[in-house]
Amino acid sequence: MRQLVELQGHAEDFKSLNAELIFVFREEADGVDGLKKIKDKHETTFTLALDADKKSSKAYSPEKMTFDNFVIDTSGVVRGIVDGTLRDRATADELTKVLRQIQSKD
C-alpha cells in the first residue's frame, strides 16, 4: 500500500500528464469488498481493480511475484515498463519520467 499512498500524493501530476492510474490487485482475500476498504482507508482517487483468477494481468505479468508497472496507451499498447520488486515499487518520479518521454515522442 506504500506505493498507492505515495502515488496518490502526486495525483495532480498524473492528471496534468493526462494519465489515469489503475491498480490491479491479484491477491485480495476480501475480493471487491477488500478493494473498497483499501480505497476508503487510503482515500485514493485511483481505480482499483481485481484480477483474482489472473486471466487479464497474466498477459503483462506472467510470473507469480511480478511488481512491474506498465504504461499503456489508450489503444492498449505497452509504451513503457518500470521494473519493481516486492519491496521497491515504481515511484511517482519514475512513472512521470516515462510519461513525459512518451509525450515528447508523440
C-alpha atoms as a PDB file:
ATOM      1  CA  MET A   1       0.000   0.000   0.000  1.00  0.00           C
ATOM      2  CA  ARG A   2       3.012   2.264   0.399  1.00  0.00           C
ATOM      3  CA  GLN A   3       3.138   2.758  -3.391  1.00  0.00           C
ATOM      4  CA  LEU A   4      -0.554   3.601  -3.576  1.00  0.00           C
ATOM      5  CA  VAL A   5      -0.168   6.242  -0.861  1.00  0.00           C
ATOM      6  CA  GLU A   6       2.975   7.723  -2.445  1.00  0.00           C
ATOM      7  CA  LEU A   7       1.403   7.919  -5.902  1.00  0.00           C
ATOM      8  CA  GLN A   8      -1.807   9.418  -4.518  1.00  0.00           C
ATOM      9  CA  GLY A   9       0.282  12.324  -3.264  1.00  0.00           C
ATOM     10  CA  HIS A  10       1.141  13.022  -6.915  1.00  0.00           C
ATOM     11  CA  ALA A  11      -2.347  12.562  -8.355  1.00  0.00           C
ATOM     12  CA  GLU A  12      -2.399  16.078  -9.814  1.00  0.00           C
ATOM     13  CA  ASP A  13       0.910  15.439 -11.604  1.00  0.00           C
ATOM     14  CA  PHE A  14      -0.558  12.376 -13.298  1.00  0.00           C
ATOM     15  CA  LYS A  15      -3.722  14.266 -14.149  1.00  0.00           C
ATOM     16  CA  SER A  16      -1.693  17.064 -15.761  1.00  0.00           C
ATOM     17  CA  LEU A  17       0.044  14.404 -17.888  1.00  0.00           C
ATOM     18  CA  ASN A  18      -3.372  13.081 -18.964  1.00  0.00           C
ATOM     19  CA  ALA A  19      -2.642   9.750 -17.274  1.00  0.00           C
ATOM     20  CA  GLU A  20      -5.027   7.515 -15.384  1.00  0.00           C
ATOM     21  CA  LEU A  21      -3.554   5.138 -12.829  1.00  0.00           C
ATOM     22  CA  ILE A  22      -5.197   1.767 -12.389  1.00  0.00           C
ATOM     23  CA  PHE A  23      -4.025  -0.627  -9.711  1.00  0.00           C
ATOM     24  CA  VAL A  24      -4.729  -4.275 -10.476  1.00  0.00           C
ATOM     25  CA  PHE A  25      -4.746  -6.495  -7.419  1.00  0.00           C
ATOM     26  CA  ARG A  26      -4.185 -10.200  -7.955  1.00  0.00           C
ATOM     27  CA  GLU A  27      -4.487 -11.293  -4.369  1.00  0.00           C
ATOM     28  CA  GLU A  28      -7.118  -9.668  -2.201  1.00  0.00           C
ATOM     29  CA  ALA A  29      -8.696 -12.114   0.237  1.00  0.00           C
ATOM     30  CA  ASP A  30     -11.802  -9.962   0.688  1.00  0.00           C
ATOM     31  CA  GLY A  31     -12.340  -9.512  -3.048  1.00  0.00           C
ATOM     32  CA  VAL A  32     -14.104  -6.375  -4.226  1.00  0.00           C
ATOM     33  CA  ASP A  33     -15.102  -5.551  -0.635  1.00  0.00           C
ATOM     34  CA  GLY A  34     -11.400  -5.551   0.240  1.00  0.00           C
ATOM     35  CA  LEU A  35     -10.684  -3.116  -2.588  1.00  0.00           C
ATOM     36  CA  LYS A  36     -13.402  -0.803  -1.298  1.00  0.00           C
ATOM     37  CA  LYS A  37     -11.829  -0.892   2.169  1.00  0.00           C
ATOM     38  CA  ILE A  38      -8.417  -0.086   0.682  1.00  0.00           C
ATOM     39  CA  LYS A  39      -9.862   2.762  -1.389  1.00  0.00           C
ATOM     40  CA  ASP A  40     -11.652   4.229   1.638  1.00  0.00           C
ATOM     41  CA  LYS A  41      -8.765   3.750   4.067  1.00  0.00           C
ATOM     42  CA  HIS A  42      -6.205   5.377   1.793  1.00  0.00           C
ATOM     43  CA  GLU A  43      -8.624   7.904   0.271  1.00  0.00           C
ATOM     44  CA  THR A  44      -7.354   7.160  -3.198  1.00  0.00           C
ATOM     45  CA  THR A  45      -8.853   8.604  -6.334  1.00  0.00           C
ATOM     46  CA  PHE A  46      -7.251   5.902  -8.481  1.00  0.00           C
ATOM     47  CA  THR A  47      -9.156   2.991  -9.961  1.00  0.00           C
ATOM     48  CA  LEU A  48      -8.637  -0.281  -8.096  1.00  0.00           C
ATOM     49  CA  ALA A  49      -9.356  -3.488  -9.994  1.00  0.00           C
ATOM     50  CA  LEU A  50      -9.299  -7.145  -9.020  1.00  0.00           C
ATOM     51  CA  ASP A  51      -7.981  -9.962 -11.198  1.00  0.00           C
ATOM     52  CA  ALA A  52      -8.139 -12.826  -8.704  1.00  0.00           C
ATOM     53  CA  ASP A  53      -8.036 -15.524 -11.388  1.00  0.00           C
ATOM     54  CA  LYS A  54      -5.073 -13.697 -13.005  1.00  0.00           C
ATOM     55  CA  LYS A  55      -6.527 -14.062 -16.517  1.00  0.00           C
ATOM     56  CA  SER A  56      -6.125 -10.466 -17.672  1.00  0.00           C
ATOM     57  CA  SER A  57      -2.972  -9.458 -15.809  1.00  0.00           C
ATOM     58  CA  LYS A  58      -1.141 -12.653 -16.776  1.00  0.00           C
ATOM     59  CA  ALA A  59      -0.508 -11.189 -20.226  1.00  0.00           C
ATOM     60  CA  TYR A  60       1.550  -8.428 -18.596  1.00  0.00           C
ATOM     61  CA  SER A  61       2.923 -10.254 -15.578  1.00  0.00           C
ATOM     62  CA  PRO A  62       3.239 -13.974 -16.251  1.00  0.00           C
ATOM     63  CA  GLU A  63       5.376 -14.619 -13.177  1.00  0.00           C
ATOM     64  CA  LYS A  64       3.747 -15.149  -9.790  1.00  0.00           C
ATOM     65  CA  MET A  65       5.616 -12.410  -7.948  1.00  0.00           C
ATOM     66  CA  THR A  66       5.853  -9.594 -10.502  1.00  0.00           C
ATOM     67  CA  PHE A  67       5.656  -6.000  -9.320  1.00  0.00           C
ATOM     68  CA  ASP A  68       6.398  -4.128 -12.527  1.00  0.00           C
ATOM     69  CA  ASN A  69       4.359  -1.102 -13.570  1.00  0.00           C
ATOM     70  CA  PHE A  70       3.122  -0.772 -17.130  1.00  0.00           C
ATOM     71  CA  VAL A  71       2.376   2.421 -19.018  1.00  0.00           C
ATOM     72  CA  ILE A  72      -0.320   1.509 -21.515  1.00  0.00           C
ATOM     73  CA  ASP A  73      -1.763   3.922 -24.055  1.00  0.00           C
ATOM     74  CA  THR A  74      -5.437   4.258 -24.934  1.00  0.00           C
ATOM     75  CA  SER A  75      -5.013   1.675 -27.710  1.00  0.00           C
ATOM     76  CA  GLY A  76      -3.793  -0.934 -25.219  1.00  0.00           C
ATOM     77  CA  VAL A  77      -0.164  -0.770 -26.364  1.00  0.00           C
ATOM     78  CA  VAL A  78       2.508  -1.037 -23.670  1.00  0.00           C
ATOM     79  CA  ARG A  79       4.570   2.119 -24.047  1.00  0.00           C
ATOM     80  CA  GLY A  80       6.799   1.731 -21.003  1.00  0.00           C
ATOM     81  CA  ILE A  81       7.653  -0.611 -18.156  1.00  0.00           C
ATOM     82  CA  VAL A  82       9.054   0.439 -14.802  1.00  0.00           C
ATOM     83  CA  ASP A  83      10.571  -2.522 -13.016  1.00  0.00           C
ATOM     84  CA  GLY A  84       9.567  -3.185  -9.452  1.00  0.00           C
ATOM     85  CA  THR A  85      10.152  -5.662  -6.668  1.00  0.00           C
ATOM     86  CA  LEU A  86       8.170  -6.645  -3.612  1.00  0.00           C
ATOM     87  CA  ARG A  87       9.988  -4.000  -1.564  1.00  0.00           C
ATOM     88  CA  ASP A  88      10.819  -1.395  -4.216  1.00  0.00           C
ATOM     89  CA  ARG A  89       7.902  -0.354  -6.394  1.00  0.00           C
ATOM     90  CA  ALA A  90       7.849   2.337  -9.057  1.00  0.00           C
ATOM     91  CA  THR A  91       7.842   5.864  -7.691  1.00  0.00           C
ATOM     92  CA  ALA A  92       5.887   8.839  -8.938  1.00  0.00           C
ATOM     93  CA  ASP A  93       9.105  10.338 -10.303  1.00  0.00           C
ATOM     94  CA  GLU A  94       9.880   7.191 -12.309  1.00  0.00           C
ATOM     95  CA  LEU A  95       6.377   6.957 -13.745  1.00  0.00           C
ATOM     96  CA  THR A  96       6.100  10.641 -14.640  1.00  0.00           C
ATOM     97  CA  LYS A  97       9.502  10.438 -16.342  1.00  0.00           C
ATOM     98  CA  VAL A  98       8.227   7.634 -18.592  1.00  0.00           C
ATOM     99  CA  LEU A  99       5.011   9.533 -19.299  1.00  0.00           C
ATOM    100  CA  ARG A 100       6.942  12.676 -20.266  1.00  0.00           C
ATOM    101  CA  GLN A 101       9.236  10.674 -22.545  1.00  0.00           C
ATOM    102  CA  ILE A 102       6.242   9.147 -24.315  1.00  0.00           C
ATOM    103  CA  GLN A 103       4.577  12.535 -24.736  1.00  0.00           C
ATOM    104  CA  SER A 104       7.747  14.068 -26.162  1.00  0.00           C
ATOM    105  CA  LYS A 105       7.843  11.316 -28.820  1.00  0.00           C
ATOM    106  CA  ASP A 106       4.210  11.773 -29.839  1.00  0.00           C
END
